C-alpha atoms as a PDB file:
ATOM      1  CA  MET A   1       0.091   0.035  -0.201  1.00  0.00           C
ATOM      2  CA  PHE A   2       2.431   2.620   1.341  1.00  0.00           C
ATOM      3  CA  PHE A   3       5.815   1.169  -1.292  1.00  0.00           C
ATOM      4  CA  CYS A   4       5.518   3.510  -3.854  1.00  0.00           C
ATOM      5  CA  ALA A   5       4.575   6.741  -2.007  1.00  0.00           C
ATOM      6  CA  SER A   6       7.440   9.400  -1.100  1.00  0.00           C
ATOM      7  CA  GLY A   7       6.065  11.138   1.845  1.00  0.00           C
ATOM      8  CA  LEU A   8       2.753   9.975   3.952  1.00  0.00           C
ATOM      9  CA  GLU A   9       1.435  11.738   6.418  1.00  0.00           C
ATOM     10  CA  ILE A  10      -2.045   9.657   8.986  1.00  0.00           C
ATOM     11  CA  GLU A  11      -3.924  12.433  11.073  1.00  0.00           C
ATOM     12  CA  ILE A  12      -6.825  10.311  13.646  1.00  0.00           C
ATOM     13  CA  GLN A  13      -9.742  11.114  15.600  1.00  0.00           C
ATOM     14  CA  ILE A  14     -10.307   8.875  18.565  1.00  0.00           C
ATOM     15  CA  THR A  15     -13.933   8.525  18.052  1.00  0.00           C
ATOM     16  CA  ALA A  16     -14.327   5.640  21.302  1.00  0.00           C
ATOM     17  CA  SER A  17     -11.739   3.896  23.919  1.00  0.00           C
ATOM     18  CA  ASP A  18     -11.745   1.745  26.432  1.00  0.00           C
ATOM     19  CA  SER A  19      -9.454  -0.470  28.296  1.00  0.00           C
ATOM     20  CA  ILE A  20     -10.562  -3.426  30.651  1.00  0.00           C
ATOM     21  CA  GLY A  21      -8.271  -4.661  32.649  1.00  0.00           C
ATOM     22  CA  ASN A  22      -4.331  -5.436  30.797  1.00  0.00           C
ATOM     23  CA  LEU A  23      -6.339  -4.567  27.315  1.00  0.00           C
ATOM     24  CA  ALA A  24      -7.565  -1.842  26.072  1.00  0.00           C
ATOM     25  CA  TYR A  25      -8.827  -0.823  22.533  1.00  0.00           C
ATOM     26  CA  ILE A  26      -8.961   2.705  20.140  1.00  0.00           C
ATOM     27  CA  ILE A  27     -11.731   3.648  17.889  1.00  0.00           C
ATOM     28  CA  LEU A  28     -10.212   6.109  15.256  1.00  0.00           C
ATOM     29  CA  ILE A  29     -11.076   7.559  11.482  1.00  0.00           C
ATOM     30  CA  GLU A  30      -7.774   7.443  10.248  1.00  0.00           C
ATOM     31  CA  LYS A  31      -6.866  10.764   6.938  1.00  0.00           C
ATOM     32  CA  VAL A  32      -4.466   9.446   5.422  1.00  0.00           C
ATOM     33  CA  THR A  33      -2.298  11.580   2.934  1.00  0.00           C
ATOM     34  CA  GLN A  34       0.925   9.769   0.912  1.00  0.00           C
ATOM     35  CA  THR A  35       2.399  11.880  -1.976  1.00  0.00           C
ATOM     36  CA  SER A  36       3.827   9.569  -4.509  1.00  0.00           C
ATOM     37  CA  SER A  37       5.309  11.435  -7.526  1.00  0.00           C
ATOM     38  CA  GLY A  38       4.260  14.967  -6.377  1.00  0.00           C
ATOM     39  CA  ARG A  39       0.706  13.918  -6.446  1.00  0.00           C
ATOM     40  CA  LYS A  40      -0.883  13.637  -3.417  1.00  0.00           C
ATOM     41  CA  ASN A  41      -3.843  11.108  -2.785  1.00  0.00           C
ATOM     42  CA  GLN A  42      -6.590  10.980   0.605  1.00  0.00           C
ATOM     43  CA  SER A  43      -7.913   8.734   2.172  1.00  0.00           C
ATOM     44  CA  LEU A  44     -10.209   7.538   5.029  1.00  0.00           C
ATOM     45  CA  SER A  45     -10.952   4.741   7.527  1.00  0.00           C
ATOM     46  CA  ASN A  46     -12.538   3.528  10.096  1.00  0.00           C
ATOM     47  CA  ALA A  47     -10.111   2.210  12.469  1.00  0.00           C
ATOM     48  CA  THR A  48      -9.043  -0.359  15.793  1.00  0.00           C
ATOM     49  CA  ASN A  49      -6.143  -0.787  17.600  1.00  0.00           C
ATOM     50  CA  LEU A  50      -5.987  -3.054  19.971  1.00  0.00           C
ATOM     51  CA  PHE A  51      -3.391  -3.136  22.864  1.00  0.00           C
ATOM     52  CA  GLU A  52      -2.164  -5.747  25.721  1.00  0.00           C
ATOM     53  CA  ASN A  53      -0.203  -4.535  28.824  1.00  0.00           C
ATOM     54  CA  MET A  54       2.720  -7.021  28.855  1.00  0.00           C
ATOM     55  CA  GLY A  55       5.712  -6.412  31.759  1.00  0.00           C
ATOM     56  CA  GLY A  56       4.037  -2.670  32.123  1.00  0.00           C
ATOM     57  CA  LYS A  57       3.941  -1.709  28.361  1.00  0.00           C
ATOM     58  CA  TRP A  58       1.284  -1.314  26.182  1.00  0.00           C
ATOM     59  CA  TYR A  59       2.212  -3.380  22.243  1.00  0.00           C
ATOM     60  CA  LEU A  60       0.009  -2.653  19.464  1.00  0.00           C
ATOM     61  CA  ILE A  61      -1.365  -6.873  18.868  1.00  0.00           C
ATOM     62  CA  HIS A  62      -4.237  -6.288  15.931  1.00  0.00           C
ATOM     63  CA  HIS A  63      -5.274  -2.946  14.432  1.00  0.00           C
ATOM     64  CA  HIS A  64      -7.731  -3.447  11.671  1.00  0.00           C
ATOM     65  CA  GLY A  65      -9.081  -0.133   8.783  1.00  0.00           C
ATOM     66  CA  SER A  66     -11.797  -0.210   6.220  1.00  0.00           C
ATOM     67  CA  PRO A  67     -11.693   2.623   3.588  1.00  0.00           C
ATOM     68  CA  ILE A  68     -15.015   4.839   4.299  1.00  0.00           C
ATOM     69  CA  LEU A  69     -16.052   4.810   1.202  1.00  0.00           C
ATOM     70  CA  ARG A  70     -17.639   9.168  -0.055  1.00  0.00           C
END
């Protein structure tokens, strides 16, 4: 997806988050802007990130994104 991009920006808007024990999730909207050959391409996606606390540190253990169709 990003292998040809010379620039990449990701803006996020968090819509929900919570933690339960050693697991946490964040639901967000991602606005991805890619630059390739001087052209910019933007896309929006709904994303869910799942984290687990292991040894006192939070690790991303799963990411899922689905495009928002316009």
